[in-house]
Protein backbone atom coordinates (compact mmCIF):
# COMPACT_ATOMS: atom_id res chain seq x y z
CA SER A 1 2.22 11.22 4.52
CA GLY A 2 4.18 9.77 7.22
CA TYR A 3 0.98 8.10 8.28
CA ALA A 4 0.79 6.08 5.42
CA GLU A 5 3.93 3.93 6.39
CA ILE A 6 2.52 3.45 9.49
CA LEU A 7 0.01 2.60 8.75
CA LYS A 8 1.73 -0.06 6.23
CA TYR A 9 3.41 -1.27 9.02
CA SER A 10 0.31 -2.13 10.45
CA LEU A 11 -0.89 -4.33 7.24
CA ILE A 12 1.90 -5.97 6.38
CA LYS A 13 2.97 -7.17 10.12
CA ASP A 14 0.92 -6.49 13.37
CA ARG A 15 -2.85 -6.38 13.60
CA SER A 16 -2.93 -5.83 17.11
CA PHE A 17 -0.82 -2.15 15.72
CA PHE A 18 -4.09 -1.74 12.98
CA ASP A 19 -5.84 -2.11 15.89
CA TRP A 20 -4.28 0.33 18.15
CA LEU A 21 -3.90 2.80 15.24
CA GLU A 22 -8.38 2.91 14.78
CA LYS A 23 -8.14 4.25 18.47
CA HIS A 24 -5.21 6.13 18.51
CA SER A 25 -5.03 7.70 14.59
CA ASP A 26 -6.97 11.29 15.31
CA LYS A 27 -4.30 12.37 17.74
CA ILE A 28 -1.77 10.95 15.73
CA LEU A 29 -2.44 13.20 12.97
CA LEU A 30 -3.21 15.94 15.60
CA LEU A 31 0.79 14.89 16.83
CA ASN A 32 -0.46 13.73 20.13
CA SER A 33 3.48 13.31 21.64
CA GLU A 34 2.32 10.15 23.35
CA SER A 35 0.45 8.34 20.22
CA CYS A 36 3.07 9.73 17.48
CA ILE A 37 6.28 8.37 20.15
CA HIS A 38 4.41 5.04 20.24
CA ALA A 39 3.56 4.54 16.69
CA ILE A 40 7.07 5.74 15.52
CA LYS A 41 8.62 3.07 18.37
CA VAL A 42 6.00 0.12 16.77
CA SER A 43 6.62 1.20 13.13
CA CYS A 44 10.54 0.83 13.75
CA SER A 45 10.68 -2.14 15.28
CA ILE A 46 8.75 -3.42 12.88
CA LYS A 47 10.80 -1.87 10.08
CA ALA A 48 14.20 -3.35 12.19
CA ASP A 49 13.02 -6.70 12.54
CA ILE A 50 12.38 -6.78 9.08
CA VAL A 51 15.42 -5.20 7.97
CA SER A 52 17.31 -7.34 10.27
CA GLN A 53 16.50 -10.76 8.56
CA ASP A 54 17.14 -9.68 5.68
CA GLU A 55 19.60 -6.55 4.88
CA ARG A 56 19.83 -7.26 0.98
CA GLU A 57 16.01 -7.22 0.22
CA LYS A 58 16.23 -10.59 -1.57
CA GLY A 59 13.33 -12.61 0.29
CA ILE A 60 11.19 -11.05 3.75
CA ARG A 61 12.15 -7.14 3.05
CA GLU A 62 10.76 -6.94 0.15
CA ILE A 63 6.99 -6.93 1.78
CA LEU A 64 8.21 -3.15 3.08
CA ASN A 65 7.26 -2.33 -0.90
CA PHE A 66 3.43 -2.98 0.02
CA GLY A 67 1.46 -0.69 -1.92
CA HIS A 68 4.47 1.31 -3.44
CA THR A 69 4.39 -1.08 -6.56
CA PHE A 70 1.06 0.82 -7.60
CA GLY A 71 1.65 4.26 -6.03
CA HIS A 72 5.10 4.74 -7.33
CA ALA A 73 3.33 4.50 -10.95
CA ILE A 74 1.13 6.58 -9.93
CA GLU A 75 3.54 9.34 -8.90
CA SER A 76 5.32 8.61 -12.16
CA ILE A 77 2.04 8.90 -14.10
CA THR A 78 1.72 12.23 -12.05
CA GLY A 79 5.16 13.59 -13.19
CA TYR A 80 5.95 13.39 -9.17
CA SER A 81 4.60 16.75 -9.32
CA ASN A 82 2.76 18.39 -6.32
CA LYS A 83 -0.09 16.87 -7.41
CA ILE A 84 0.04 13.57 -5.05
CA LYS A 85 2.50 13.47 -2.39
CA HIS A 86 4.38 10.14 -1.99
CA GLY A 87 2.07 8.69 0.79
CA GLU A 88 -0.95 10.22 -0.77
CA ALA A 89 -0.27 7.80 -3.35
CA ILE A 90 0.91 5.21 -1.04
CA PHE A 91 -2.80 5.46 0.38
CA ILE A 92 -4.42 4.63 -3.17
CA GLY A 93 -1.64 1.86 -3.59
CA MET A 94 -2.36 -0.27 -0.98
CA TYR A 95 -6.01 0.65 -1.59
CA LEU A 96 -5.67 -0.86 -4.86
CA ALA A 97 -3.12 -3.96 -3.21
CA ILE A 98 -5.52 -5.19 -1.31
CA LYS A 99 -8.07 -4.48 -4.08
CA LEU A 100 -6.00 -6.40 -6.26
CA SER A 101 -5.15 -9.09 -2.97
CA ILE A 102 -9.21 -10.14 -3.10
CA PHE A 103 -9.02 -9.92 -7.07
CA LEU A 104 -6.94 -12.46 -6.67
CA LYS A 105 -8.36 -14.24 -4.36
CA LEU A 106 -5.65 -13.97 -1.59
CA CYS A 107 -8.22 -12.38 1.05
CA ASN A 108 -11.45 -11.61 1.75
CA GLU A 109 -12.88 -8.15 1.38
CA SER A 110 -13.86 -7.51 5.14
CA VAL A 111 -9.86 -6.53 4.93
CA LEU A 112 -10.64 -4.03 2.36
CA VAL A 113 -13.94 -2.48 4.66
CA SER A 114 -11.45 -2.18 7.72
CA TYR A 115 -8.94 -0.51 5.50
CA THR A 116 -11.26 1.86 4.06
CA ASP A 117 -13.55 2.40 6.93
CA HIS A 118 -10.30 3.47 8.73
CA LEU A 119 -9.28 5.78 6.59
CA LYS A 120 -12.57 7.38 6.17
CA LYS A 121 -13.24 8.16 9.93
CA ILE A 122 -9.96 10.03 9.48
CA LYS A 123 -10.60 11.88 6.75
CA ILE A 124 -8.01 10.68 4.48
CA PRO A 125 -8.48 10.37 0.43
CA PHE A 126 -7.39 6.82 -0.98
CA LYS A 127 -9.15 7.18 -4.31
CA LEU A 128 -7.45 8.00 -7.71
CA SER A 129 -10.85 10.19 -8.53
CA ASP A 130 -10.25 11.63 -5.19
CA TYR A 131 -7.30 13.32 -6.65
CA ASN A 132 -8.84 13.63 -9.92
CA ILE A 133 -6.56 11.70 -11.50
CA LYS A 134 -7.86 9.43 -14.41
CA ILE A 135 -5.54 6.57 -15.61
CA SER A 136 -6.15 4.20 -18.78
CA SER A 137 -5.50 0.70 -17.42
CA LYS A 138 -2.36 0.54 -20.33
CA GLU A 139 -1.15 3.79 -19.38
CA PHE A 140 -1.04 2.28 -15.82
CA ILE A 141 0.98 -0.88 -16.82
CA LYS A 142 3.84 0.85 -18.63
CA HIS A 143 4.44 2.90 -15.45
CA ILE A 144 4.37 -0.27 -13.17
CA LYS A 145 6.87 -2.19 -15.58
CA PHE A 146 9.42 0.56 -14.55
CA ASP A 147 9.40 -0.19 -10.73
CA LYS A 148 12.48 -1.73 -9.89
CA LYS A 149 10.47 -4.70 -8.67
CA VAL A 150 9.71 -5.94 -12.12
CA LYS A 151 12.28 -9.23 -13.38
CA ASN A 152 11.84 -10.93 -16.77
CA ASN A 153 8.23 -8.97 -17.24
CA LYS A 154 6.78 -10.29 -14.59
CA ILE A 155 5.55 -7.52 -11.64
CA LYS A 156 6.08 -8.45 -8.60
CA PHE A 157 3.64 -6.98 -6.36
CA VAL A 158 2.94 -7.69 -2.32
CA LEU A 159 -0.19 -8.26 -1.42
CA LEU A 160 -1.86 -8.70 1.59
CA LYS A 161 -3.63 -12.12 2.82
CA ARG A 162 -4.82 -10.58 6.44
CA ILE A 163 -4.13 -7.33 7.79
CA GLY A 164 -1.17 -8.49 9.63
CA ALA A 165 0.18 -11.24 6.87
CA THR A 166 1.60 -10.85 3.26
CA VAL A 167 1.81 -12.91 0.40
CA ARG A 168 4.56 -11.82 -2.38
CA ILE A 169 3.80 -12.89 -6.14
CA PHE A 170 4.45 -12.20 -9.45
CA LEU A 171 2.26 -11.86 -12.32
CA ASP A 172 3.21 -12.75 -15.20
CA ASP A 173 -0.36 -12.36 -16.67
CA GLU A 174 -0.68 -9.19 -17.91
CA ASN A 175 -4.04 -9.37 -19.43
CA LEU A 176 -5.31 -10.70 -15.66
CA LEU A 177 -4.08 -6.82 -14.40
CA SER A 178 -5.21 -5.33 -17.09
CA LYS A 179 -8.46 -6.78 -16.12
CA PHE A 180 -8.23 -5.76 -13.22
CA LEU A 181 -7.30 -2.17 -13.75
CA LYS A 182 -10.10 -1.64 -16.38
CA ASN A 183 -12.27 -2.54 -13.09
CA GLU A 184 -10.79 -0.27 -10.59
CA LEU A 185 -10.24 2.90 -12.89
CA ASN A 186 -13.50 3.34 -14.85
């Protein structure tokens, strides 16, 4: 689960860190001290930089929620049970956020290929079907709306333009989100 957060930091802020993770992820997962220390230091540095720019979460700090809008909905749908851990929900959430980024033409499909190839290489599941979770788009949207990032019935998403660059958007067209989810959940 911790690796989900480490990977998130590379995706939202540092392409070179993502490249480093691609070379060292197996060592991190085997808890190699040197690799873990480096990954934690870089992750903490990225988070500290973001938080110091926005202590009250009114702007850039929101990018720390990448993957969490979908991930929190998945946790809610599964009743915060042992069926799925937080980090597993975030891997799925980041996958869906990248897919939504592509769907909205905010980023190139190569971002998704890099993400999925990376997780396949280290044998981390990242799709709802990998966890035998079935959700209707209507149910998913209902749970997304409970998220703290919803304002005036508009859902805020942190999406990617490319690895290392985010964009924050409010999606007020529920039909567009429903169309996206119907494609992804079936």
